[in-house]
């Protein structure tokens, strides 16, 4: 499991190590510096040219340790530092003093461009996870200069100017035009490495152990710690039985000319393994849908009483509402009837807009529901949370998409999947995780009409197979990205369900190989 810590959680595990005597603050700073220096040596060799930029706090202290160790390994090192102020931490002051027994510290604004170039490694140790305020442009401007001249940029703990809790940029003016070449963080990744701008600007993130894993494990066992979704959390193999053994999903659709989204959702649900999928539409839309569907069954549902009659069949165990549903009175009554049924539900697109308009529908949400808003839908559903997300930066950790999704799940009692490259899945219990489509898993082709409808169908299909809402949401989100990567550039939403068999075949084949007994 890859944990994603907040800055407060990181401080808590450090404090636990100090209290137990497992480590001191100065020892952790030395371990951090050694980890960075070792990684640099392993990646770029035992000699080279480095510029180390040090801030006024402990992140700067880490930088002074790195500079000292690189100098000892034969590197040509220049250190430029900010004024530490009147009260630097003892550890940072000690690290600076040890460097200055053998090297020179120049002011940050004295950085000479002649030192910056393609053969130079720039180590950013200006501000780390403790950053609690917006930075002036003058602070991070040397990083932009280094990138502009082709230098390699390595960030210590987190790129200076990023909030470690939210991934938001906390620097005035324009920021960097490309990601760091490498971020080295300590003991565990932080939420800011995968959320918002941090997901792109952090570049590849590598975790450096500093000997406080025991304290991290204790934290994960005692409270809610976010994690990165790194694969399906469900066993997607099909066991013995017949089609009804694997669930029957009902996808509700709108009128003629509006069925495409629901058809894609229904097809995705079948591809993900639901035993049966029925698309329910107004009678006048039956012919259109029949011309486009074969394996998906059809049912005429004109209104809420008709839906209630269909739901007398207890084998229908999950519903998907929203894609192409419409915003008329029929659609609102169907959402109300579906919520009243107590079935597992995926609520997407038009269904979310209807819920945002009607407090009674919002109040009817329950723990079998999965809400799948994009940013605009989230703003309509949770206006106060959205305002907090978009408020101007203030001192302290910035309110994040992770915070917003958790608050929305607690408010509604439903699972919330907040879509984006940094998709957040949050349960009403407070448990939450991030499915990050960044780095090698970046899938910008998913920014296309209908991709969200396919995701809704995938989640609903897993609910029909008996998965709980959180596992259905996180597994579907991960597979959604895998399908997009399998198709690649040129993807349109209809491609995603058709890519799922290959993704599942590859994934389940690997699982079967791992489970095969030794001979």
Protein backbone atom coordinates (compact mmCIF):
# COMPACT_ATOMS: atom_id res chain seq x y z
CA UNK A 1 0.00 0.00 0.00
CA UNK A 2 1.24 3.49 -0.85
CA UNK A 3 0.19 5.92 1.84
CA UNK A 4 -0.52 9.57 1.08
CA UNK A 5 0.09 11.70 4.16
CA UNK A 6 -0.91 15.20 5.09
CA UNK A 7 1.78 17.50 6.48
CA UNK A 8 0.18 17.17 9.94
CA UNK A 9 0.34 13.37 9.75
CA UNK A 10 4.00 13.52 8.77
CA UNK A 11 4.72 15.76 11.74
CA UNK A 12 2.82 13.33 13.96
CA UNK A 13 4.94 10.32 13.00
CA UNK A 14 8.11 12.35 13.41
CA UNK A 15 6.93 13.45 16.86
CA UNK A 16 6.16 9.84 17.76
CA UNK A 17 9.71 8.86 16.78
CA UNK A 18 11.15 11.66 18.90
CA UNK A 19 8.98 10.71 21.90
CA UNK A 20 9.89 7.03 21.71
CA UNK A 21 13.59 7.79 21.34
CA UNK A 22 13.71 6.04 17.96
CA UNK A 23 15.24 9.16 16.38
CA UNK A 24 16.07 12.79 17.04
CA UNK A 25 15.29 15.70 14.75
CA UNK A 26 18.94 16.05 13.80
CA UNK A 27 19.21 12.31 13.11
CA UNK A 28 16.20 12.47 10.76
CA UNK A 29 17.76 15.42 8.94
CA UNK A 30 21.01 13.48 8.46
CA UNK A 31 19.12 10.40 7.27
CA UNK A 32 17.12 12.50 4.83
CA UNK A 33 20.27 14.15 3.46
CA UNK A 34 22.04 10.81 3.11
CA UNK A 35 19.04 9.35 1.30
CA UNK A 36 19.01 12.21 -1.19
CA UNK A 37 22.77 12.14 -1.71
CA UNK A 38 22.75 8.35 -2.18
CA UNK A 39 20.00 8.62 -4.77
CA UNK A 40 21.85 11.36 -6.62
CA UNK A 41 25.02 9.27 -6.68
CA UNK A 42 23.14 6.20 -7.89
CA UNK A 43 21.41 8.13 -10.63
CA UNK A 44 23.96 10.70 -11.74
CA UNK A 45 27.28 9.26 -10.61
CA UNK A 46 29.94 10.15 -8.06
CA UNK A 47 30.88 13.51 -9.54
CA UNK A 48 29.23 16.42 -11.23
CA UNK A 49 28.08 19.97 -10.67
CA UNK A 50 25.27 20.81 -8.29
CA UNK A 51 23.55 23.98 -7.14
CA UNK A 52 21.76 23.49 -3.82
CA UNK A 53 19.08 26.05 -2.96
CA UNK A 54 18.34 26.14 0.78
CA UNK A 55 15.38 27.72 2.54
CA UNK A 56 15.19 29.08 6.08
CA UNK A 57 13.69 25.98 7.73
CA UNK A 58 14.29 22.26 8.04
CA UNK A 59 13.93 21.68 4.30
CA UNK A 60 16.88 24.02 3.92
CA UNK A 61 18.67 22.03 6.62
CA UNK A 62 18.19 18.89 4.52
CA UNK A 63 19.73 20.81 1.62
CA UNK A 64 22.83 21.75 3.62
CA UNK A 65 23.32 18.07 4.52
CA UNK A 66 22.99 17.12 0.85
CA UNK A 67 25.51 19.79 -0.17
CA UNK A 68 28.04 18.59 2.40
CA UNK A 69 27.70 14.96 1.34
CA UNK A 70 27.92 15.73 -2.36
CA UNK A 71 31.08 17.77 -1.76
CA UNK A 72 32.56 14.79 0.12
CA UNK A 73 31.77 12.58 -2.90
CA UNK A 74 33.65 14.79 -5.30
CA UNK A 75 30.89 16.97 -6.64
CA UNK A 76 31.42 20.63 -7.41
CA UNK A 77 28.80 22.28 -5.20
CA UNK A 78 27.46 25.82 -4.92
CA UNK A 79 25.00 26.64 -2.14
CA UNK A 80 22.61 29.59 -2.26
CA UNK A 81 20.42 30.14 0.76
CA UNK A 82 17.69 32.38 2.08
CA UNK A 83 18.21 34.34 5.28
CA UNK A 84 17.33 31.94 8.13
CA UNK A 85 15.91 34.76 10.24
CA UNK A 86 16.36 35.22 13.95
CA UNK A 87 15.12 31.80 15.08
CA UNK A 88 16.20 28.94 12.81
CA UNK A 89 15.61 25.47 14.20
CA UNK A 90 18.65 24.05 16.01
CA UNK A 91 18.88 21.22 13.49
CA UNK A 92 18.84 23.54 10.47
CA UNK A 93 21.40 25.83 12.10
CA UNK A 94 23.66 22.87 12.86
CA UNK A 95 23.38 21.52 9.31
CA UNK A 96 24.32 24.94 7.91
CA UNK A 97 27.26 25.29 10.29
CA UNK A 98 28.63 21.86 9.32
CA UNK A 99 28.45 22.79 5.64
CA UNK A 100 30.18 26.11 6.24
CA UNK A 101 33.21 24.42 7.81
CA UNK A 102 34.10 23.36 4.25
CA UNK A 103 31.98 25.42 1.85
CA UNK A 104 30.56 28.86 1.19
CA UNK A 105 26.93 29.93 1.42
CA UNK A 106 25.88 32.68 -0.97
CA UNK A 107 22.57 34.60 -0.94
CA UNK A 108 19.74 33.21 -3.03
CA UNK A 109 19.59 36.34 -5.17
CA UNK A 110 23.30 36.01 -6.04
CA UNK A 111 22.73 32.87 -8.13
CA UNK A 112 24.79 33.18 -11.31
CA UNK A 113 23.21 31.87 -14.52
CA UNK A 114 26.63 30.64 -15.62
CA UNK A 115 26.19 27.87 -13.05
CA UNK A 116 22.91 26.79 -14.62
CA UNK A 117 22.90 24.61 -17.69
CA UNK A 118 22.21 21.10 -19.01
CA UNK A 119 25.14 19.64 -17.02
CA UNK A 120 23.99 21.09 -13.68
CA UNK A 121 21.82 19.43 -11.05
CA UNK A 122 19.72 21.97 -9.13
CA UNK A 123 18.55 20.70 -5.73
CA UNK A 124 15.43 22.52 -4.53
CA UNK A 125 15.51 22.54 -0.72
CA UNK A 126 13.80 25.90 -0.28
CA UNK A 127 10.44 24.93 1.22
CA UNK A 128 9.12 21.47 2.03
CA UNK A 129 5.93 20.00 3.45
CA UNK A 130 5.77 22.62 6.18
CA UNK A 131 4.90 25.46 3.77
CA UNK A 132 1.86 27.21 5.24
CA UNK A 133 1.70 30.46 3.28
CA UNK A 134 1.91 31.82 -0.27
CA UNK A 135 5.44 32.49 -1.53
CA UNK A 136 6.66 35.57 -3.36
CA UNK A 137 7.71 34.97 -6.95
CA UNK A 138 11.29 35.88 -6.04
CA UNK A 139 11.56 32.71 -3.95
CA UNK A 140 10.82 30.18 -6.68
CA UNK A 141 12.10 32.26 -9.61
CA UNK A 142 15.56 30.56 -9.46
CA UNK A 143 13.81 27.24 -10.16
CA UNK A 144 12.24 28.68 -13.31
CA UNK A 145 15.61 30.09 -14.37
CA UNK A 146 17.24 26.70 -13.87
CA UNK A 147 14.62 24.99 -16.00
CA UNK A 148 14.85 27.63 -18.71
CA UNK A 149 18.59 26.98 -19.01
CA UNK A 150 18.18 23.22 -19.20
CA UNK A 151 19.32 22.24 -15.72
CA UNK A 152 18.03 19.08 -14.05
CA UNK A 153 15.69 19.93 -11.17
CA UNK A 154 15.44 17.70 -8.10
CA UNK A 155 12.94 18.64 -5.39
CA UNK A 156 13.63 17.66 -1.78
CA UNK A 157 10.40 16.40 -0.15
CA UNK A 158 8.12 18.50 -2.38
CA UNK A 159 8.64 21.15 -5.04
CA UNK A 160 8.86 24.54 -3.35
CA UNK A 161 5.65 26.49 -3.79
CA UNK A 162 3.34 23.46 -3.72
CA UNK A 163 1.04 22.85 -0.77
CA UNK A 164 1.81 19.38 0.56
CA UNK A 165 -1.83 18.82 1.55
CA UNK A 166 -3.62 20.01 -1.59
CA UNK A 167 -1.11 20.13 -4.45
CA UNK A 168 -2.16 23.73 -5.07
CA UNK A 169 0.43 26.28 -6.17
CA UNK A 170 1.20 28.65 -3.32
CA UNK A 171 3.45 31.04 -5.20
CA UNK A 172 2.65 34.43 -6.66
CA UNK A 173 2.73 35.01 -10.41
CA UNK A 174 3.42 32.36 -13.03
CA UNK A 175 4.92 29.04 -11.98
CA UNK A 176 7.12 26.43 -13.63
CA UNK A 177 6.46 25.38 -17.20
CA UNK A 178 7.44 21.76 -16.75
CA UNK A 179 7.62 19.25 -13.90
CA UNK A 180 10.58 18.59 -11.66
CA UNK A 181 12.81 15.86 -13.05
CA UNK A 182 12.58 14.01 -9.75
CA UNK A 183 11.02 14.53 -6.32
CA UNK A 184 12.53 12.69 -3.37
CA UNK A 185 10.19 12.57 -0.40
CA UNK A 186 10.69 11.01 3.02
CA UNK A 187 9.12 7.81 4.37
CA UNK A 188 5.80 8.30 2.53
CA UNK A 189 4.29 10.28 -0.32
CA UNK A 190 2.18 13.31 0.49
CA UNK A 191 -1.25 14.18 -0.87
CA UNK A 192 0.25 17.20 -2.60
CA UNK A 193 2.35 14.93 -4.80
CA UNK A 194 -0.77 13.61 -6.57
CA UNK A 195 -3.49 16.23 -6.14
CA UNK A 196 -4.18 19.27 -8.30
CA UNK A 197 -1.07 20.93 -9.83
CA UNK A 198 1.19 18.80 -7.66
CA UNK A 199 0.25 15.71 -9.64
CA UNK A 200 1.89 17.18 -12.72
CA UNK A 201 4.63 19.42 -11.31
CA UNK A 202 6.12 16.87 -8.90
CA UNK A 203 7.33 14.71 -11.77
CA UNK A 204 8.43 11.18 -10.78
CA UNK A 205 8.21 10.79 -6.99
CA UNK A 206 10.55 8.44 -5.14
CA UNK A 207 10.22 7.66 -1.44
CA UNK A 208 13.39 7.76 0.67
CA UNK A 209 13.12 5.78 3.94
CA UNK A 210 14.37 7.59 7.04
CA UNK A 211 13.73 4.92 9.66
CA UNK A 212 10.27 5.83 10.94
CA UNK A 213 8.24 3.16 9.16
CA UNK A 214 7.05 1.70 12.47
CA UNK A 215 5.49 5.02 13.43
CA UNK A 216 3.89 5.29 9.99
CA UNK A 217 2.34 1.83 10.34
CA UNK A 218 0.98 2.77 13.76
CA UNK A 219 -0.62 5.88 12.26
CA UNK A 220 -2.29 3.92 9.45
CA UNK A 221 -3.72 1.47 11.99
CA UNK A 222 -5.05 4.14 14.30
CA UNK A 223 -6.76 6.55 11.90
CA UNK A 224 -7.77 7.40 8.38
CA UNK A 225 -4.73 7.69 6.13
CA UNK A 226 -5.25 8.27 2.43
CA UNK A 227 -3.78 5.79 0.00
CA UNK A 228 -2.99 5.65 -3.68
CA UNK A 229 -5.09 3.27 -5.78
CA UNK A 230 -2.56 1.00 -7.43
CA UNK A 231 -4.78 -1.72 -8.83
CA UNK A 232 -8.15 -3.41 -8.43
CA UNK A 233 -9.20 -4.13 -4.86
CA UNK A 234 -11.76 -6.68 -6.04
CA UNK A 235 -11.31 -10.22 -7.31
CA UNK A 236 -12.71 -9.86 -10.81
CA UNK A 237 -12.63 -13.56 -11.67
CA UNK A 238 -16.07 -15.00 -12.26
CA UNK A 239 -17.02 -17.96 -10.13
CA UNK A 240 -19.48 -20.72 -10.98
CA UNK A 241 -23.15 -20.00 -11.52
CA UNK A 242 -25.52 -18.56 -14.11
CA UNK A 243 -26.08 -15.01 -15.31
CA UNK A 244 -28.24 -14.03 -12.34
CA UNK A 245 -25.43 -15.15 -10.03
CA UNK A 246 -23.49 -12.12 -11.23
CA UNK A 247 -26.16 -9.48 -10.83
CA UNK A 248 -28.77 -7.70 -12.89
CA UNK A 249 -28.24 -3.98 -13.52
CA UNK A 250 -30.93 -1.58 -14.66
CA UNK A 251 -29.72 1.50 -16.57
CA UNK A 252 -32.34 4.24 -16.88
CA UNK A 253 -32.33 6.31 -20.06
CA UNK A 254 -34.03 9.36 -21.53
CA UNK A 255 -36.15 9.81 -24.62
CA UNK A 256 -35.43 9.47 -28.34
CA UNK A 257 -32.14 10.97 -29.43
CA UNK A 258 -30.74 10.91 -25.90
CA UNK A 259 -29.84 7.26 -25.39
CA UNK A 260 -26.19 7.19 -26.39
CA UNK A 261 -24.77 7.86 -22.93
CA UNK A 262 -26.95 5.23 -21.30
CA UNK A 263 -26.06 2.71 -24.01
CA UNK A 264 -22.34 3.24 -23.35
CA UNK A 265 -22.89 2.85 -19.60
CA UNK A 266 -24.86 -0.36 -20.16
CA UNK A 267 -22.23 -1.84 -22.45
CA UNK A 268 -19.46 -0.98 -19.97
CA UNK A 269 -21.41 -2.74 -17.21
CA UNK A 270 -21.63 -5.89 -19.30
CA UNK A 271 -17.93 -5.74 -20.13
CA UNK A 272 -17.02 -5.41 -16.45
CA UNK A 273 -18.87 -8.65 -15.74
CA UNK A 274 -22.47 -7.94 -14.73
CA UNK A 275 -24.59 -10.99 -15.51
CA UNK A 276 -27.43 -9.07 -17.11
CA UNK A 277 -27.94 -5.44 -18.03
CA UNK A 278 -31.27 -3.94 -18.99
CA UNK A 279 -31.65 -0.45 -20.44
CA UNK A 280 -34.96 1.08 -19.42
CA UNK A 281 -36.26 3.91 -21.60
CA UNK A 282 -39.55 5.60 -22.50
CA UNK A 283 -41.63 3.42 -24.88
CA UNK A 284 -41.08 5.85 -27.74
CA UNK A 285 -37.30 5.31 -27.50
CA UNK A 286 -37.40 1.50 -27.67
CA UNK A 287 -36.92 1.27 -31.44
CA UNK A 288 -33.88 3.55 -31.43
CA UNK A 289 -32.18 1.60 -28.62
CA UNK A 290 -33.12 -1.78 -30.09
CA UNK A 291 -31.33 -0.80 -33.31
CA UNK A 292 -28.11 -0.17 -31.37
CA UNK A 293 -28.09 -2.93 -28.74
CA UNK A 294 -27.93 -6.71 -28.81
CA UNK A 295 -26.56 -8.16 -25.55
CA UNK A 296 -28.18 -5.39 -23.50
CA UNK A 297 -31.85 -6.05 -22.86
CA UNK A 298 -34.58 -3.42 -23.10
CA UNK A 299 -37.55 -2.48 -20.95
CA UNK A 300 -40.12 0.28 -21.49
CA UNK A 301 -40.37 2.49 -18.41
CA UNK A 302 -42.50 5.55 -18.92
CA UNK A 303 -42.66 6.80 -15.33
CA UNK A 304 -41.96 6.07 -11.68
CA UNK A 305 -44.87 3.60 -11.22
CA UNK A 306 -43.52 1.60 -14.15
CA UNK A 307 -40.08 1.57 -12.52
CA UNK A 308 -41.55 0.39 -9.23
CA UNK A 309 -43.29 -2.45 -11.07
CA UNK A 310 -40.03 -3.53 -12.73
CA UNK A 311 -38.22 -3.40 -9.40
CA UNK A 312 -40.60 -5.99 -7.98
CA UNK A 313 -38.09 -8.38 -9.55
CA UNK A 314 -35.68 -8.75 -6.63
CA UNK A 315 -32.98 -10.03 -8.99
CA UNK A 316 -32.42 -6.44 -10.15
CA UNK A 317 -29.85 -5.49 -7.54
CA UNK A 318 -28.30 -2.27 -8.87
CA UNK A 319 -29.29 0.77 -10.90
CA UNK A 320 -27.43 3.42 -12.90
CA UNK A 321 -29.12 6.78 -13.34
CA UNK A 322 -27.93 9.95 -15.01
CA UNK A 323 -26.28 9.35 -18.37
CA UNK A 324 -28.76 10.72 -20.91
CA UNK A 325 -31.58 10.58 -18.34
CA UNK A 326 -32.82 14.14 -18.89
CA UNK A 327 -33.85 16.86 -16.49
CA UNK A 328 -37.63 16.74 -16.85
CA UNK A 329 -40.28 15.74 -14.31
CA UNK A 330 -40.11 12.06 -15.39
CA UNK A 331 -36.39 11.96 -14.69
CA UNK A 332 -36.78 13.56 -11.24
CA UNK A 333 -39.47 11.07 -10.27
CA UNK A 334 -37.33 8.16 -11.48
CA UNK A 335 -34.44 9.32 -9.30
CA UNK A 336 -36.77 9.58 -6.30
CA UNK A 337 -38.18 6.08 -6.93
CA UNK A 338 -34.72 4.59 -7.38
CA UNK A 339 -33.52 6.12 -4.11
CA UNK A 340 -36.64 4.87 -2.35
CA UNK A 341 -35.98 1.32 -3.60
CA UNK A 342 -32.92 0.97 -1.37
CA UNK A 343 -30.97 -0.66 -4.22
CA UNK A 344 -27.30 0.03 -4.89
CA UNK A 345 -27.16 3.09 -7.15
CA UNK A 346 -24.72 4.99 -9.32
CA UNK A 347 -25.87 8.60 -9.69
CA UNK A 348 -24.14 10.51 -12.48
CA UNK A 349 -24.64 13.40 -14.90
CA UNK A 350 -28.31 14.46 -15.08
CA UNK A 351 -29.17 12.63 -11.86
CA UNK A 352 -26.62 14.75 -10.00
CA UNK A 353 -28.10 17.96 -11.41
CA UNK A 354 -31.57 16.86 -10.30
CA UNK A 355 -30.30 16.07 -6.81
CA UNK A 356 -28.61 19.47 -6.61
CA UNK A 357 -31.96 21.11 -7.42
CA UNK A 358 -34.07 19.17 -4.91
CA UNK A 359 -33.18 19.01 -1.19
CA UNK A 360 -35.56 16.06 -0.78
CA UNK A 361 -33.51 13.99 -3.23
CA UNK A 362 -30.31 15.03 -1.49
CA UNK A 363 -31.79 13.94 1.83
CA UNK A 364 -32.75 10.54 0.37
CA UNK A 365 -29.17 9.55 -0.47
CA UNK A 366 -27.95 6.48 1.40
CA UNK A 367 -24.85 4.36 1.90
CA UNK A 368 -25.59 2.23 -1.16
CA UNK A 369 -25.18 5.23 -3.46
CA UNK A 370 -22.12 6.26 -5.45
CA UNK A 371 -22.06 9.86 -6.65
CA UNK A 372 -19.70 10.52 -9.57
CA UNK A 373 -19.46 14.30 -10.10
CA UNK A 374 -16.96 16.16 -12.21
CA UNK A 375 -15.88 19.58 -10.94
CA UNK A 376 -18.89 21.44 -12.34
CA UNK A 377 -21.39 18.95 -10.95
CA UNK A 378 -19.62 19.00 -7.60
CA UNK A 379 -20.00 22.79 -7.52
CA UNK A 380 -23.75 22.47 -8.06
CA UNK A 381 -24.14 19.76 -5.43
CA UNK A 382 -21.85 21.18 -2.77
CA UNK A 383 -21.63 24.93 -3.30
CA UNK A 384 -20.09 25.73 0.10
CA UNK A 385 -17.38 23.09 -0.29
CA UNK A 386 -16.66 24.29 -3.81
CA UNK A 387 -16.25 27.87 -2.58
CA UNK A 388 -13.71 26.65 -0.04
CA UNK A 389 -11.86 24.84 -2.82
CA UNK A 390 -11.61 28.03 -4.83
CA UNK A 391 -10.98 30.53 -2.04
CA UNK A 392 -7.83 32.61 -2.23
CA UNK A 393 -4.87 31.11 -0.40
CA UNK A 394 -4.74 31.78 3.32
CA UNK A 395 -2.16 30.80 5.95
CA UNK A 396 -2.32 27.12 6.81
CA UNK A 397 -2.87 24.02 4.65
CA UNK A 398 -5.03 24.73 1.62
CA UNK A 399 -8.44 23.03 1.40
CA UNK A 400 -8.03 20.20 -1.09
CA UNK A 401 -10.10 18.07 -3.45
CA UNK A 402 -9.43 15.25 -1.00
CA UNK A 403 -10.89 17.31 1.87
CA UNK A 404 -13.87 18.30 -0.27
CA UNK A 405 -14.72 14.74 -1.33
CA UNK A 406 -14.46 13.46 2.25
CA UNK A 407 -16.70 16.26 3.50
CA UNK A 408 -19.23 15.57 0.74
CA UNK A 409 -19.32 11.86 1.59
CA UNK A 410 -19.83 12.63 5.28
CA UNK A 411 -22.57 15.14 4.43
CA UNK A 412 -24.55 12.80 2.17
CA UNK A 413 -23.84 9.40 3.71
CA UNK A 414 -22.90 8.19 0.22
CA UNK A 415 -19.66 7.29 -1.51
CA UNK A 416 -18.36 10.21 -3.56
CA UNK A 417 -16.07 9.82 -6.56
CA UNK A 418 -14.79 13.27 -7.54
CA UNK A 419 -13.54 12.88 -11.10
CA UNK A 420 -10.34 14.29 -12.54
CA UNK A 421 -6.74 13.27 -13.23
CA UNK A 422 -6.58 13.14 -9.43
CA UNK A 423 -9.83 11.24 -8.87
CA UNK A 424 -10.73 11.08 -5.17
CA UNK A 425 -12.96 8.30 -3.81
CA UNK A 426 -14.37 8.96 -0.33
CA UNK A 427 -16.60 6.85 1.89
CA UNK A 428 -18.99 8.21 4.54
CA UNK A 429 -16.76 6.60 7.19
CA UNK A 430 -13.92 8.99 6.31
CA UNK A 431 -11.87 6.40 4.43
CA UNK A 432 -10.59 7.84 1.17
CA UNK A 433 -8.11 7.20 -1.63
CA UNK A 434 -6.77 8.83 -4.77
CA UNK A 435 -6.67 7.29 -8.26
CA UNK A 436 -3.95 9.38 -9.88
CA UNK A 437 -3.72 9.36 -13.68
CA UNK A 438 -0.36 11.11 -13.68
CA UNK A 439 3.17 10.34 -14.83
CA UNK A 440 3.29 7.02 -16.66
CA UNK A 441 -0.47 6.62 -16.07
CA UNK A 442 -1.47 10.01 -17.46
CA UNK A 443 -4.46 9.53 -19.76
CA UNK A 444 -5.46 12.94 -21.14
CA UNK A 445 -7.52 11.20 -23.82
CA UNK A 446 -10.16 10.60 -21.13
CA UNK A 447 -11.11 14.27 -21.46
CA UNK A 448 -13.70 13.36 -24.08
CA UNK A 449 -17.48 13.32 -24.12
CA UNK A 450 -18.96 10.12 -22.75
CA UNK A 451 -15.93 8.85 -20.84
CA UNK A 452 -17.69 9.59 -17.55
CA UNK A 453 -20.79 7.69 -18.68
CA UNK A 454 -18.62 4.64 -19.28
CA UNK A 455 -17.09 4.98 -15.80
CA UNK A 456 -20.59 5.17 -14.28
CA UNK A 457 -21.53 1.94 -16.06
CA UNK A 458 -18.37 0.20 -14.89
CA UNK A 459 -19.04 1.13 -11.27
CA UNK A 460 -22.68 0.05 -11.58
CA UNK A 461 -21.68 -3.27 -13.13
CA UNK A 462 -19.40 -3.99 -10.18
CA UNK A 463 -22.19 -3.05 -7.76
CA UNK A 464 -24.42 -5.53 -9.56
CA UNK A 465 -21.74 -8.18 -9.09
CA UNK A 466 -21.99 -7.59 -5.35
CA UNK A 467 -19.12 -5.19 -4.69
CA UNK A 468 -19.48 -2.58 -1.98
CA UNK A 469 -19.59 1.05 -3.20
CA UNK A 470 -16.02 2.02 -2.30
CA UNK A 471 -14.35 -1.02 -3.83
CA UNK A 472 -16.57 -0.75 -6.92
CA UNK A 473 -15.64 2.91 -7.37
CA UNK A 474 -11.89 2.57 -6.88
CA UNK A 475 -11.59 -0.60 -8.99
CA UNK A 476 -13.61 0.92 -11.83
CA UNK A 477 -11.61 4.16 -11.71
CA UNK A 478 -8.34 2.25 -12.00
CA UNK A 479 -9.63 0.06 -14.86
CA UNK A 480 -11.03 3.12 -16.62
CA UNK A 481 -7.53 4.57 -16.85
CA UNK A 482 -6.04 1.22 -17.89
CA UNK A 483 -8.57 0.98 -20.73
CA UNK A 484 -7.69 4.50 -21.86
CA UNK A 485 -3.99 3.67 -21.84
CA UNK A 486 -4.67 0.53 -23.85
CA UNK A 487 -6.41 2.58 -26.57
CA UNK A 488 -4.14 5.62 -26.46
CA UNK A 489 -4.39 8.81 -28.53
CA UNK A 490 -7.51 9.13 -30.63
CA UNK A 491 -9.68 7.50 -27.99
CA UNK A 492 -13.42 8.15 -28.03
CA UNK A 493 -15.74 6.99 -25.28
CA UNK A 494 -17.12 4.05 -27.28
CA UNK A 495 -13.61 2.57 -27.33
CA UNK A 496 -13.43 2.16 -23.56
CA UNK A 497 -15.86 -0.77 -23.08
CA UNK A 498 -14.25 -2.55 -26.02
CA UNK A 499 -10.80 -2.16 -24.45
CA UNK A 500 -11.87 -3.75 -21.17
CA UNK A 501 -11.61 -7.41 -22.28
CA UNK A 502 -7.96 -6.98 -23.18
CA UNK A 503 -7.22 -5.15 -19.93
CA UNK A 504 -9.00 -7.79 -17.86
CA UNK A 505 -7.41 -10.66 -19.78
CA UNK A 506 -3.95 -9.25 -19.17
CA UNK A 507 -4.65 -8.48 -15.51
CA UNK A 508 -6.41 -11.73 -14.64
CA UNK A 509 -3.78 -13.69 -16.54
CA UNK A 510 -1.09 -12.14 -14.34
CA UNK A 511 -3.14 -13.01 -11.25
CA UNK A 512 -3.53 -16.60 -12.42
CA UNK A 513 0.23 -16.86 -12.98
CA UNK A 514 0.89 -15.68 -9.44
CA UNK A 515 -1.58 -18.19 -8.01
CA UNK A 516 -0.26 -21.20 -9.92
CA UNK A 517 1.35 -23.64 -7.42
CA UNK A 518 5.00 -24.51 -7.74
CA UNK A 519 5.82 -27.85 -9.29
